Amino acid sequence: MKLVVLEKASLGSDIDITFFDDFGEVSYYDNTAADEIAERVADADIVIANKAPMNESTLKNAQNLKLICESATGYNNVDLAYCKARGIHVTNVVGYSTPIVAQHTFAMALYLLEKLPVYDTYVKNGSYEKSPMFTCFEPFFTELDKKTWGIAGLGNIGRKVAQIASVFGCRVIYYSASGKNHTADFEEVDFETLLAESDILSLHCPLTEQTRHMMNAQAFAKMKKTAIMLNLARGPVVDEQALYDALTAGQIAAAGLDVLDKEPIAADNPLGTIKDSTKLLITPHMAWGSHEARERCAREVYKNIESFLAGQERNFVV
């Protein structure tokens, strides 16, 4: 068997993935540009990819290709109809990042809610040592306890966030963006109510035509001026120009983003001009990427290949 790992760097240099050698001859590439894919996969039986486009243009000469393994949950980079027509199976990895994405959600929320960059700077720039008082609590901050935490998307991550928010003493409400996920454990509301009542609104829904730009100018206008929005879903779920306008106009208090419409961030993205870290926190799509999560992801890909070669379906998308 010939295997090709197109984006080894997406799993990190601290993760040893040489166990893929168990399956045969493996070609490892740290990164692969779109125009390099076709040549690199030409003789492959199995391709392991993350963001690399998998479509007719890149795969038409890969006549031996039997399996594409996504080292991720999302598979927007794969032309599923083309793969199905070719008889190429596609697998993904589910649930590997749930603990760390939930953790990062609260790291962002607390950073913004407690205005931590201001206090860190206050100590480090020498202001605290000159203070006549032992403490400082300006700018003022509030508690999570008794706040309403709204969740858009109640999949594995959304449920984990709901559980943690409950421990913090929050009232949890959720909106099922897909209409498929429901639970009696938390209060289900419609989208309008989610916007109007959330003090913290975290997004954990998949990107679909229904959720694309779900958070637009009309949505931000319905939110509390004190609200914080967190996007841990996909960048295009949020209209970035509308978010910029909402933040600069004070329609909402703050936002935390781990995902953007274009990644890495585009030079002309208006959000890049907001330098106030109490108003906007952006992290570079790393919420999923703890050492443990990336290790789980790689091991799950291994199990997907192992099952496929044994004639068993495991995490099949196609």
C-alpha atoms as a PDB file:
ATOM      1  CA  MET A   1       0.000   0.000   0.000  1.00  0.00           C
ATOM      2  CA  LYS A   2       1.135   3.539  -0.762  1.00  0.00           C
ATOM      3  CA  LEU A   3       0.047   6.250   1.656  1.00  0.00           C
ATOM      4  CA  VAL A   4       0.524   9.996   1.336  1.00  0.00           C
ATOM      5  CA  VAL A   5       0.298  12.410   4.280  1.00  0.00           C
ATOM      6  CA  LEU A   6      -0.237  15.809   2.665  1.00  0.00           C
ATOM      7  CA  GLU A   7      -0.225  18.091   5.738  1.00  0.00           C
ATOM      8  CA  LYS A   8       1.883  16.523   8.465  1.00  0.00           C
ATOM      9  CA  ALA A   9       2.491  19.944  10.036  1.00  0.00           C
ATOM     10  CA  SER A  10      -1.222  20.247  10.800  1.00  0.00           C
ATOM     11  CA  LEU A  11      -0.731  17.499  13.398  1.00  0.00           C
ATOM     12  CA  GLY A  12       2.297  19.233  14.912  1.00  0.00           C
ATOM     13  CA  SER A  13       5.987  18.408  15.167  1.00  0.00           C
ATOM     14  CA  ASP A  14       5.507  17.098  18.718  1.00  0.00           C
ATOM     15  CA  ILE A  15       3.344  14.185  17.520  1.00  0.00           C
ATOM     16  CA  ASP A  16       5.040  11.030  16.220  1.00  0.00           C
ATOM     17  CA  ILE A  17       2.899   9.628  13.412  1.00  0.00           C
ATOM     18  CA  THR A  18       5.384   7.145  12.012  1.00  0.00           C
ATOM     19  CA  PHE A  19       2.932   4.417  13.085  1.00  0.00           C
ATOM     20  CA  PHE A  20       1.335   4.952   9.660  1.00  0.00           C
ATOM     21  CA  ASP A  21       4.339   3.050   8.326  1.00  0.00           C
ATOM     22  CA  ASP A  22       2.551  -0.071   9.591  1.00  0.00           C
ATOM     23  CA  PHE A  23       0.366   0.077   6.492  1.00  0.00           C
ATOM     24  CA  GLY A  24       3.073   0.286   3.845  1.00  0.00           C
ATOM     25  CA  GLU A  25       5.150   2.904   2.057  1.00  0.00           C
ATOM     26  CA  VAL A  26       4.341   6.385   3.371  1.00  0.00           C
ATOM     27  CA  SER A  27       5.295   9.766   1.890  1.00  0.00           C
ATOM     28  CA  TYR A  28       5.178  12.545   4.469  1.00  0.00           C
ATOM     29  CA  TYR A  29       4.837  16.198   3.476  1.00  0.00           C
ATOM     30  CA  ASP A  30       4.700  18.991   6.051  1.00  0.00           C
ATOM     31  CA  ASN A  31       2.450  21.084   3.792  1.00  0.00           C
ATOM     32  CA  THR A  32       1.090  20.727   0.278  1.00  0.00           C
ATOM     33  CA  ALA A  33      -0.012  23.565  -1.979  1.00  0.00           C
ATOM     34  CA  ALA A  34      -3.047  22.997  -4.185  1.00  0.00           C
ATOM     35  CA  ASP A  35      -0.924  22.794  -7.330  1.00  0.00           C
ATOM     36  CA  GLU A  36       1.286  20.106  -5.751  1.00  0.00           C
ATOM     37  CA  ILE A  37      -1.481  17.686  -4.783  1.00  0.00           C
ATOM     38  CA  ALA A  38      -2.050  15.896  -8.086  1.00  0.00           C
ATOM     39  CA  GLU A  39       1.602  14.894  -8.464  1.00  0.00           C
ATOM     40  CA  ARG A  40       1.971  13.801  -4.845  1.00  0.00           C
ATOM     41  CA  VAL A  41      -1.122  11.571  -4.783  1.00  0.00           C
ATOM     42  CA  ALA A  42      -0.767  10.116  -8.280  1.00  0.00           C
ATOM     43  CA  ASP A  43       0.289   6.653  -7.057  1.00  0.00           C
ATOM     44  CA  ALA A  44      -1.445   6.707  -3.678  1.00  0.00           C
ATOM     45  CA  ASP A  45      -3.830   4.072  -2.380  1.00  0.00           C
ATOM     46  CA  ILE A  46      -4.642   6.138   0.714  1.00  0.00           C
ATOM     47  CA  VAL A  47      -4.383   9.893   1.239  1.00  0.00           C
ATOM     48  CA  ILE A  48      -4.397  11.601   4.638  1.00  0.00           C
ATOM     49  CA  ALA A  49      -5.459  15.233   4.310  1.00  0.00           C
ATOM     50  CA  ASN A  50      -6.766  18.124   6.353  1.00  0.00           C
ATOM     51  CA  LYS A  51      -7.433  21.249   4.277  1.00  0.00           C
ATOM     52  CA  ALA A  52      -5.950  20.169   0.939  1.00  0.00           C
ATOM     53  CA  PRO A  53      -8.604  20.244  -1.830  1.00  0.00           C
ATOM     54  CA  MET A  54      -9.728  16.744  -2.739  1.00  0.00           C
ATOM     55  CA  ASN A  55     -11.621  17.030  -6.027  1.00  0.00           C
ATOM     56  CA  GLU A  56     -11.531  16.019  -9.675  1.00  0.00           C
ATOM     57  CA  SER A  57      -8.749  18.475 -10.463  1.00  0.00           C
ATOM     58  CA  THR A  58      -6.428  17.086  -7.807  1.00  0.00           C
ATOM     59  CA  LEU A  59      -7.473  13.419  -7.905  1.00  0.00           C
ATOM     60  CA  LYS A  60      -8.244  12.600 -11.538  1.00  0.00           C
ATOM     61  CA  ASN A  61      -4.849  10.959 -12.110  1.00  0.00           C
ATOM     62  CA  ALA A  62      -4.861   9.047  -8.806  1.00  0.00           C
ATOM     63  CA  GLN A  63      -6.292   5.886 -10.307  1.00  0.00           C
ATOM     64  CA  ASN A  64      -5.298   3.653  -7.373  1.00  0.00           C
ATOM     65  CA  LEU A  65      -6.886   5.858  -4.721  1.00  0.00           C
ATOM     66  CA  LYS A  66      -9.250   3.941  -2.473  1.00  0.00           C
ATOM     67  CA  LEU A  67      -9.483   6.003   0.720  1.00  0.00           C
ATOM     68  CA  ILE A  68      -9.200   9.637   1.832  1.00  0.00           C
ATOM     69  CA  CYS A  69      -8.742  10.099   5.565  1.00  0.00           C
ATOM     70  CA  GLU A  70      -9.520  13.511   6.958  1.00  0.00           C
ATOM     71  CA  SER A  71      -7.355  14.294   9.969  1.00  0.00           C
ATOM     72  CA  ALA A  72     -10.213  16.492  11.156  1.00  0.00           C
ATOM     73  CA  THR A  73     -13.949  16.453  11.730  1.00  0.00           C
ATOM     74  CA  GLY A  74     -14.799  18.798   8.879  1.00  0.00           C
ATOM     75  CA  TYR A  75     -14.593  17.682   5.249  1.00  0.00           C
ATOM     76  CA  ASN A  76     -15.464  20.844   3.332  1.00  0.00           C
ATOM     77  CA  ASN A  77     -12.273  20.336   1.323  1.00  0.00           C
ATOM     78  CA  VAL A  78     -13.587  17.088  -0.204  1.00  0.00           C
ATOM     79  CA  ASP A  79     -15.830  16.856  -3.253  1.00  0.00           C
ATOM     80  CA  LEU A  80     -17.995  14.066  -1.873  1.00  0.00           C
ATOM     81  CA  ALA A  81     -20.034  13.593  -5.046  1.00  0.00           C
ATOM     82  CA  TYR A  82     -16.882  13.097  -7.112  1.00  0.00           C
ATOM     83  CA  CYS A  83     -15.423  10.663  -4.580  1.00  0.00           C
ATOM     84  CA  LYS A  84     -18.664   8.687  -4.476  1.00  0.00           C
ATOM     85  CA  ALA A  85     -18.745   8.465  -8.260  1.00  0.00           C
ATOM     86  CA  ARG A  86     -15.152   7.209  -8.260  1.00  0.00           C
ATOM     87  CA  GLY A  87     -15.756   4.725  -5.454  1.00  0.00           C
ATOM     88  CA  ILE A  88     -13.299   6.521  -3.199  1.00  0.00           C
ATOM     89  CA  HIS A  89     -14.229   6.204   0.461  1.00  0.00           C
ATOM     90  CA  VAL A  90     -13.839   9.191   2.807  1.00  0.00           C
ATOM     91  CA  THR A  91     -13.497   9.059   6.588  1.00  0.00           C
ATOM     92  CA  ASN A  92     -13.258  11.765   9.225  1.00  0.00           C
ATOM     93  CA  VAL A  93     -12.479  11.931  12.943  1.00  0.00           C
ATOM     94  CA  VAL A  94     -15.217  12.820  15.415  1.00  0.00           C
ATOM     95  CA  GLY A  95     -15.008  13.939  19.034  1.00  0.00           C
ATOM     96  CA  TYR A  96     -11.234  14.065  19.393  1.00  0.00           C
ATOM     97  CA  SER A  97     -11.149  17.823  20.119  1.00  0.00           C
ATOM     98  CA  THR A  98     -14.229  18.174  22.325  1.00  0.00           C
ATOM     99  CA  PRO A  99     -12.387  18.646  25.666  1.00  0.00           C
ATOM    100  CA  ILE A 100      -9.941  21.271  24.405  1.00  0.00           C
ATOM    101  CA  VAL A 101     -12.427  23.278  22.318  1.00  0.00           C
ATOM    102  CA  ALA A 102     -14.715  23.484  25.331  1.00  0.00           C
ATOM    103  CA  GLN A 103     -11.741  24.499  27.481  1.00  0.00           C
ATOM    104  CA  HIS A 104     -10.692  27.190  24.991  1.00  0.00           C
ATOM    105  CA  THR A 105     -14.248  28.497  24.866  1.00  0.00           C
ATOM    106  CA  PHE A 106     -14.088  29.271  28.571  1.00  0.00           C
ATOM    107  CA  ALA A 107     -10.533  30.587  28.371  1.00  0.00           C
ATOM    108  CA  MET A 108     -11.782  33.148  25.847  1.00  0.00           C
ATOM    109  CA  ALA A 109     -14.926  33.938  27.800  1.00  0.00           C
ATOM    110  CA  LEU A 110     -13.082  34.567  31.058  1.00  0.00           C
ATOM    111  CA  TYR A 111     -10.324  36.570  29.350  1.00  0.00           C
ATOM    112  CA  LEU A 112     -12.927  38.917  27.905  1.00  0.00           C
ATOM    113  CA  LEU A 113     -15.363  38.936  30.811  1.00  0.00           C
ATOM    114  CA  GLU A 114     -12.707  39.788  33.395  1.00  0.00           C
ATOM    115  CA  LYS A 115     -10.772  42.127  31.063  1.00  0.00           C
ATOM    116  CA  LEU A 116      -7.600  40.267  31.953  1.00  0.00           C
ATOM    117  CA  PRO A 117      -5.239  42.007  29.484  1.00  0.00           C
ATOM    118  CA  VAL A 118      -5.854  45.336  31.219  1.00  0.00           C
ATOM    119  CA  TYR A 119      -4.961  43.963  34.650  1.00  0.00           C
ATOM    120  CA  ASP A 120      -1.907  42.115  33.373  1.00  0.00           C
ATOM    121  CA  THR A 121      -0.655  45.332  31.749  1.00  0.00           C
ATOM    122  CA  TYR A 122      -1.471  47.324  34.913  1.00  0.00           C
ATOM    123  CA  VAL A 123       0.941  45.173  36.912  1.00  0.00           C
ATOM    124  CA  LYS A 124       3.659  44.843  34.269  1.00  0.00           C
ATOM    125  CA  ASN A 125       3.834  48.523  33.286  1.00  0.00           C
ATOM    126  CA  GLY A 126       4.558  49.579  36.859  1.00  0.00           C
ATOM    127  CA  SER A 127       1.163  51.094  37.669  1.00  0.00           C
ATOM    128  CA  TYR A 128       0.424  48.604  40.442  1.00  0.00           C
ATOM    129  CA  GLU A 129       3.654  49.274  42.339  1.00  0.00           C
ATOM    130  CA  LYS A 130       2.742  52.968  42.416  1.00  0.00           C
ATOM    131  CA  SER A 131      -0.834  52.333  43.552  1.00  0.00           C
ATOM    132  CA  PRO A 132      -1.938  53.672  46.942  1.00  0.00           C
ATOM    133  CA  MET A 133      -4.286  50.678  47.262  1.00  0.00           C
ATOM    134  CA  PHE A 134      -3.706  46.913  47.394  1.00  0.00           C
ATOM    135  CA  THR A 135      -6.191  46.182  44.616  1.00  0.00           C
ATOM    136  CA  CYS A 136      -7.608  47.434  41.343  1.00  0.00           C
ATOM    137  CA  PHE A 137     -10.977  46.607  39.869  1.00  0.00           C
ATOM    138  CA  GLU A 138     -11.341  49.154  37.092  1.00  0.00           C
ATOM    139  CA  PRO A 139     -12.420  48.485  34.423  1.00  0.00           C
ATOM    140  CA  PHE A 140     -15.263  46.806  36.297  1.00  0.00           C
ATOM    141  CA  PHE A 141     -16.039  43.186  35.546  1.00  0.00           C
ATOM    142  CA  THR A 142     -18.833  40.747  36.305  1.00  0.00           C
ATOM    143  CA  GLU A 143     -19.418  37.088  37.181  1.00  0.00           C
ATOM    144  CA  LEU A 144     -20.547  34.156  35.098  1.00  0.00           C
ATOM    145  CA  ASP A 145     -22.783  33.021  37.931  1.00  0.00           C
ATOM    146  CA  LYS A 146     -26.458  33.729  37.105  1.00  0.00           C
ATOM    147  CA  LYS A 147     -25.598  34.828  33.556  1.00  0.00           C
ATOM    148  CA  THR A 148     -27.417  33.314  30.572  1.00  0.00           C
ATOM    149  CA  TRP A 149     -25.081  31.294  28.384  1.00  0.00           C
ATOM    150  CA  GLY A 150     -26.487  30.715  24.912  1.00  0.00           C
ATOM    151  CA  ILE A 151     -25.235  28.005  22.587  1.00  0.00           C
ATOM    152  CA  ALA A 152     -25.776  27.698  18.836  1.00  0.00           C
ATOM    153  CA  GLY A 153     -25.161  24.082  17.890  1.00  0.00           C
ATOM    154  CA  LEU A 154     -25.635  21.282  20.400  1.00  0.00           C
ATOM    155  CA  GLY A 155     -23.265  18.663  19.080  1.00  0.00           C
ATOM    156  CA  ASN A 156     -20.530  17.083  21.200  1.00  0.00           C
ATOM    157  CA  ILE A 157     -18.749  20.385  21.831  1.00  0.00           C
ATOM    158  CA  GLY A 158     -21.940  22.351  22.441  1.00  0.00           C
ATOM    159  CA  ARG A 159     -23.084  19.818  25.037  1.00  0.00           C
ATOM    160  CA  LYS A 160     -19.720  19.913  26.800  1.00  0.00           C
ATOM    161  CA  VAL A 161     -19.837  23.707  26.928  1.00  0.00           C
ATOM    162  CA  ALA A 162     -23.390  23.568  28.287  1.00  0.00           C
ATOM    163  CA  GLN A 163     -22.301  21.231  31.076  1.00  0.00           C
ATOM    164  CA  ILE A 164     -19.381  23.448  32.080  1.00  0.00           C
ATOM    165  CA  ALA A 165     -21.479  26.616  31.921  1.00  0.00           C
ATOM    166  CA  SER A 166     -23.951  24.982  34.292  1.00  0.00           C
ATOM    167  CA  VAL A 167     -21.151  24.314  36.773  1.00  0.00           C
ATOM    168  CA  PHE A 168     -20.297  28.017  36.642  1.00  0.00           C
ATOM    169  CA  GLY A 169     -23.883  28.709  37.683  1.00  0.00           C
ATOM    170  CA  CYS A 170     -25.153  29.881  34.312  1.00  0.00           C
ATOM    171  CA  ARG A 171     -28.620  29.460  32.954  1.00  0.00           C
ATOM    172  CA  VAL A 172     -28.008  27.566  29.702  1.00  0.00           C
ATOM    173  CA  ILE A 173     -30.158  27.992  26.619  1.00  0.00           C
ATOM    174  CA  TYR A 174     -29.510  26.525  23.188  1.00  0.00           C
ATOM    175  CA  TYR A 175     -30.608  26.744  19.585  1.00  0.00           C
ATOM    176  CA  SER A 176     -30.294  23.671  17.375  1.00  0.00           C
ATOM    177  CA  ALA A 177     -28.845  25.143  14.201  1.00  0.00           C
ATOM    178  CA  SER A 178     -29.292  21.857  12.321  1.00  0.00           C
ATOM    179  CA  GLY A 179     -32.683  21.082  13.851  1.00  0.00           C
ATOM    180  CA  LYS A 180     -31.377  17.591  14.624  1.00  0.00           C
ATOM    181  CA  ASN A 181     -29.855  17.852  18.088  1.00  0.00           C
ATOM    182  CA  HIS A 182     -32.194  18.186  21.044  1.00  0.00           C
ATOM    183  CA  THR A 183     -32.042  17.452  24.747  1.00  0.00           C
ATOM    184  CA  ALA A 184     -34.244  17.922  27.770  1.00  0.00           C
ATOM    185  CA  ASP A 185     -31.164  18.661  29.884  1.00  0.00           C
ATOM    186  CA  PHE A 186     -31.094  22.301  28.777  1.00  0.00           C
ATOM    187  CA  GLU A 187     -33.621  24.892  27.650  1.00  0.00           C
ATOM    188  CA  GLU A 188     -34.185  24.947  23.890  1.00  0.00           C
ATOM    189  CA  VAL A 189     -35.114  28.309  22.346  1.00  0.00           C
ATOM    190  CA  ASP A 190     -35.549  29.794  18.898  1.00  0.00           C
ATOM    191  CA  PHE A 191     -32.800  31.878  17.316  1.00  0.00           C
ATOM    192  CA  GLU A 192     -34.438  35.199  18.148  1.00  0.00           C
ATOM    193  CA  THR A 193     -34.630  34.304  21.837  1.00  0.00           C
ATOM    194  CA  LEU A 194     -31.048  33.049  21.806  1.00  0.00           C
ATOM    195  CA  LEU A 195     -29.864  36.421  20.526  1.00  0.00           C
ATOM    196  CA  ALA A 196     -32.007  38.507  22.843  1.00  0.00           C
ATOM    197  CA  GLU A 197     -31.316  36.665  26.109  1.00  0.00           C
ATOM    198  CA  SER A 198     -27.692  35.498  25.899  1.00  0.00           C
ATOM    199  CA  ASP A 199     -25.066  37.238  28.005  1.00  0.00           C
ATOM    200  CA  ILE A 200     -22.482  34.921  26.509  1.00  0.00           C
ATOM    201  CA  LEU A 201     -23.253  33.435  23.093  1.00  0.00           C
ATOM    202  CA  SER A 202     -20.959  30.671  21.865  1.00  0.00           C
ATOM    203  CA  LEU A 203     -21.165  29.217  18.376  1.00  0.00           C
ATOM    204  CA  HIS A 204     -20.448  25.509  17.878  1.00  0.00           C
ATOM    205  CA  CYS A 205     -22.527  24.732  14.787  1.00  0.00           C
ATOM    206  CA  PRO A 206     -21.369  23.282  11.460  1.00  0.00           C
ATOM    207  CA  LEU A 207     -21.053  25.493   8.397  1.00  0.00           C
ATOM    208  CA  THR A 208     -24.058  24.992   6.127  1.00  0.00           C
ATOM    209  CA  GLU A 209     -26.030  27.217   3.796  1.00  0.00           C
ATOM    210  CA  GLN A 210     -28.377  27.830   6.729  1.00  0.00           C
ATOM    211  CA  THR A 211     -25.603  28.869   9.137  1.00  0.00           C
ATOM    212  CA  ARG A 212     -23.439  30.862   6.710  1.00  0.00           C
ATOM    213  CA  HIS A 213     -23.460  34.478   7.987  1.00  0.00           C
ATOM    214  CA  MET A 214     -25.998  33.459  10.611  1.00  0.00           C
ATOM    215  CA  MET A 215     -24.418  36.148  12.768  1.00  0.00           C
ATOM    216  CA  ASN A 216     -25.067  39.189  10.586  1.00  0.00           C
ATOM    217  CA  ALA A 217     -25.991  42.823  11.153  1.00  0.00           C
ATOM    218  CA  GLN A 218     -29.593  41.934  11.963  1.00  0.00           C
ATOM    219  CA  ALA A 219     -28.485  39.337  14.502  1.00  0.00           C
ATOM    220  CA  PHE A 220     -26.039  41.644  16.307  1.00  0.00           C
ATOM    221  CA  ALA A 221     -28.715  44.341  16.507  1.00  0.00           C
ATOM    222  CA  LYS A 222     -30.892  41.951  18.557  1.00  0.00           C
ATOM    223  CA  MET A 223     -28.216  41.150  21.138  1.00  0.00           C
ATOM    224  CA  LYS A 224     -27.577  42.806  24.482  1.00  0.00           C
ATOM    225  CA  LYS A 225     -25.046  45.630  24.453  1.00  0.00           C
ATOM    226  CA  THR A 226     -23.278  43.809  27.292  1.00  0.00           C
ATOM    227  CA  ALA A 227     -23.125  40.487  25.435  1.00  0.00           C
ATOM    228  CA  ILE A 228     -19.995  38.576  24.457  1.00  0.00           C
ATOM    229  CA  MET A 229     -20.021  36.421  21.311  1.00  0.00           C
ATOM    230  CA  LEU A 230     -17.598  33.529  20.831  1.00  0.00           C
ATOM    231  CA  ASN A 231     -17.076  31.762  17.506  1.00  0.00           C
ATOM    232  CA  LEU A 232     -15.573  28.288  17.886  1.00  0.00           C
ATOM    233  CA  ALA A 233     -17.475  26.950  14.867  1.00  0.00           C
ATOM    234  CA  ARG A 234     -16.415  28.014  11.370  1.00  0.00           C
ATOM    235  CA  GLY A 235     -15.382  31.482  10.232  1.00  0.00           C
ATOM    236  CA  PRO A 236     -18.150  32.076   7.665  1.00  0.00           C
ATOM    237  CA  VAL A 237     -20.829  31.549  10.319  1.00  0.00           C
ATOM    238  CA  VAL A 238     -20.061  35.170  11.218  1.00  0.00           C
ATOM    239  CA  ASP A 239     -20.296  38.120   8.835  1.00  0.00           C
ATOM    240  CA  GLU A 240     -16.980  39.731   9.759  1.00  0.00           C
ATOM    241  CA  GLN A 241     -17.834  43.209   8.476  1.00  0.00           C
ATOM    242  CA  ALA A 242     -21.065  43.118  10.475  1.00  0.00           C
ATOM    243  CA  LEU A 243     -19.135  42.022  13.572  1.00  0.00           C
ATOM    244  CA  TYR A 244     -16.636  44.843  13.101  1.00  0.00           C
ATOM    245  CA  ASP A 245     -19.505  47.322  12.829  1.00  0.00           C
ATOM    246  CA  ALA A 246     -21.221  45.879  15.915  1.00  0.00           C
ATOM    247  CA  LEU A 247     -18.052  46.056  18.015  1.00  0.00           C
ATOM    248  CA  THR A 248     -17.048  49.560  16.967  1.00  0.00           C
ATOM    249  CA  ALA A 249     -20.621  50.849  17.411  1.00  0.00           C
ATOM    250  CA  GLY A 250     -20.972  49.217  20.845  1.00  0.00           C
ATOM    251  CA  GLN A 251     -23.861  46.984  19.790  1.00  0.00           C
ATOM    252  CA  ILE A 252     -22.174  44.132  21.680  1.00  0.00           C
ATOM    253  CA  ALA A 253     -19.466  44.334  24.319  1.00  0.00           C
ATOM    254  CA  ALA A 254     -16.871  41.919  22.986  1.00  0.00           C
ATOM    255  CA  ALA A 255     -16.118  38.942  20.785  1.00  0.00           C
ATOM    256  CA  GLY A 256     -13.721  36.028  20.817  1.00  0.00           C
ATOM    257  CA  LEU A 257     -12.854  34.240  17.571  1.00  0.00           C
ATOM    258  CA  ASP A 258     -10.797  31.144  16.943  1.00  0.00           C
ATOM    259  CA  VAL A 259     -11.918  30.893  13.311  1.00  0.00           C
ATOM    260  CA  LEU A 260     -12.080  33.385  10.464  1.00  0.00           C
ATOM    261  CA  ASP A 261     -13.596  33.543   6.996  1.00  0.00           C
ATOM    262  CA  LYS A 262     -10.119  33.377   5.458  1.00  0.00           C
ATOM    263  CA  GLU A 263      -7.264  31.657   7.282  1.00  0.00           C
ATOM    264  CA  PRO A 264      -4.605  32.874   7.893  1.00  0.00           C
ATOM    265  CA  ILE A 265      -6.267  36.243   8.467  1.00  0.00           C
ATOM    266  CA  ALA A 266      -6.504  38.406   5.357  1.00  0.00           C
ATOM    267  CA  ALA A 267      -4.590  41.684   5.369  1.00  0.00           C
ATOM    268  CA  ASP A 268      -7.806  43.571   4.570  1.00  0.00           C
ATOM    269  CA  ASN A 269      -9.929  41.922   7.268  1.00  0.00           C
ATOM    270  CA  PRO A 270     -11.446  44.871   9.197  1.00  0.00           C
ATOM    271  CA  LEU A 271     -11.270  42.904  12.449  1.00  0.00           C
ATOM    272  CA  GLY A 272      -7.483  43.055  12.246  1.00  0.00           C
ATOM    273  CA  THR A 273      -7.653  46.800  12.899  1.00  0.00           C
ATOM    274  CA  ILE A 274      -9.254  46.363  16.330  1.00  0.00           C
ATOM    275  CA  LYS A 275      -6.328  46.397  18.759  1.00  0.00           C
ATOM    276  CA  ASP A 276      -8.338  46.567  22.001  1.00  0.00           C
ATOM    277  CA  SER A 277      -8.010  43.074  23.468  1.00  0.00           C
ATOM    278  CA  THR A 278     -10.867  43.646  25.901  1.00  0.00           C
ATOM    279  CA  LYS A 279     -13.151  44.115  22.899  1.00  0.00           C
ATOM    280  CA  LEU A 280     -11.817  41.486  20.516  1.00  0.00           C
ATOM    281  CA  LEU A 281      -9.705  38.376  21.060  1.00  0.00           C
ATOM    282  CA  ILE A 282      -8.594  36.368  18.012  1.00  0.00           C
ATOM    283  CA  THR A 283      -6.667  33.122  18.227  1.00  0.00           C
ATOM    284  CA  PRO A 284      -5.267  31.392  15.097  1.00  0.00           C
ATOM    285  CA  HIS A 285      -7.615  28.409  14.730  1.00  0.00           C
ATOM    286  CA  MET A 286      -5.833  26.574  17.530  1.00  0.00           C
ATOM    287  CA  ALA A 287      -8.682  25.751  19.920  1.00  0.00           C
ATOM    288  CA  TRP A 288      -8.719  22.150  18.704  1.00  0.00           C
ATOM    289  CA  GLY A 289      -4.956  21.707  18.860  1.00  0.00           C
ATOM    290  CA  SER A 290      -3.825  20.566  22.302  1.00  0.00           C
ATOM    291  CA  HIS A 291      -1.095  17.914  22.283  1.00  0.00           C
ATOM    292  CA  GLU A 292      -3.590  15.353  23.540  1.00  0.00           C
ATOM    293  CA  ALA A 293      -6.228  16.218  20.937  1.00  0.00           C
ATOM    294  CA  ARG A 294      -3.804  16.012  18.027  1.00  0.00           C
ATOM    295  CA  GLU A 295      -2.524  12.698  19.303  1.00  0.00           C
ATOM    296  CA  ARG A 296      -6.104  11.390  19.556  1.00  0.00           C
ATOM    297  CA  CYS A 297      -6.795  12.640  16.034  1.00  0.00           C
ATOM    298  CA  ALA A 298      -3.798  10.822  14.539  1.00  0.00           C
ATOM    299  CA  ARG A 299      -4.656   7.602  16.383  1.00  0.00           C
ATOM    300  CA  GLU A 300      -8.246   7.796  15.150  1.00  0.00           C
ATOM    301  CA  VAL A 301      -7.042   8.167  11.566  1.00  0.00           C
ATOM    302  CA  TYR A 302      -4.914   5.062  12.129  1.00  0.00           C
ATOM    303  CA  LYS A 303      -7.985   3.155  13.349  1.00  0.00           C
ATOM    304  CA  ASN A 304      -9.987   4.353  10.335  1.00  0.00           C
ATOM    305  CA  ILE A 305      -7.352   2.946   7.972  1.00  0.00           C
ATOM    306  CA  GLU A 306      -7.057  -0.270   9.957  1.00  0.00           C
ATOM    307  CA  SER A 307     -10.819  -0.798   9.830  1.00  0.00           C
ATOM    308  CA  PHE A 308     -11.024   0.013   6.132  1.00  0.00           C
ATOM    309  CA  LEU A 309      -8.321  -2.521   5.276  1.00  0.00           C
ATOM    310  CA  ALA A 310     -10.194  -5.094   7.368  1.00  0.00           C
ATOM    311  CA  GLY A 311     -13.342  -4.463   5.326  1.00  0.00           C
ATOM    312  CA  GLN A 312     -15.137  -2.626   8.139  1.00  0.00           C
ATOM    313  CA  GLU A 313     -16.894   0.733   7.979  1.00  0.00           C
ATOM    314  CA  ARG A 314     -15.666   3.244  10.541  1.00  0.00           C
ATOM    315  CA  ASN A 315     -16.416   6.986  10.447  1.00  0.00           C
ATOM    316  CA  PHE A 316     -17.353   6.766   6.772  1.00  0.00           C
ATOM    317  CA  VAL A 317     -18.542  10.027   5.204  1.00  0.00           C
ATOM    318  CA  VAL A 318     -18.647   8.346   1.780  1.00  0.00           C
END
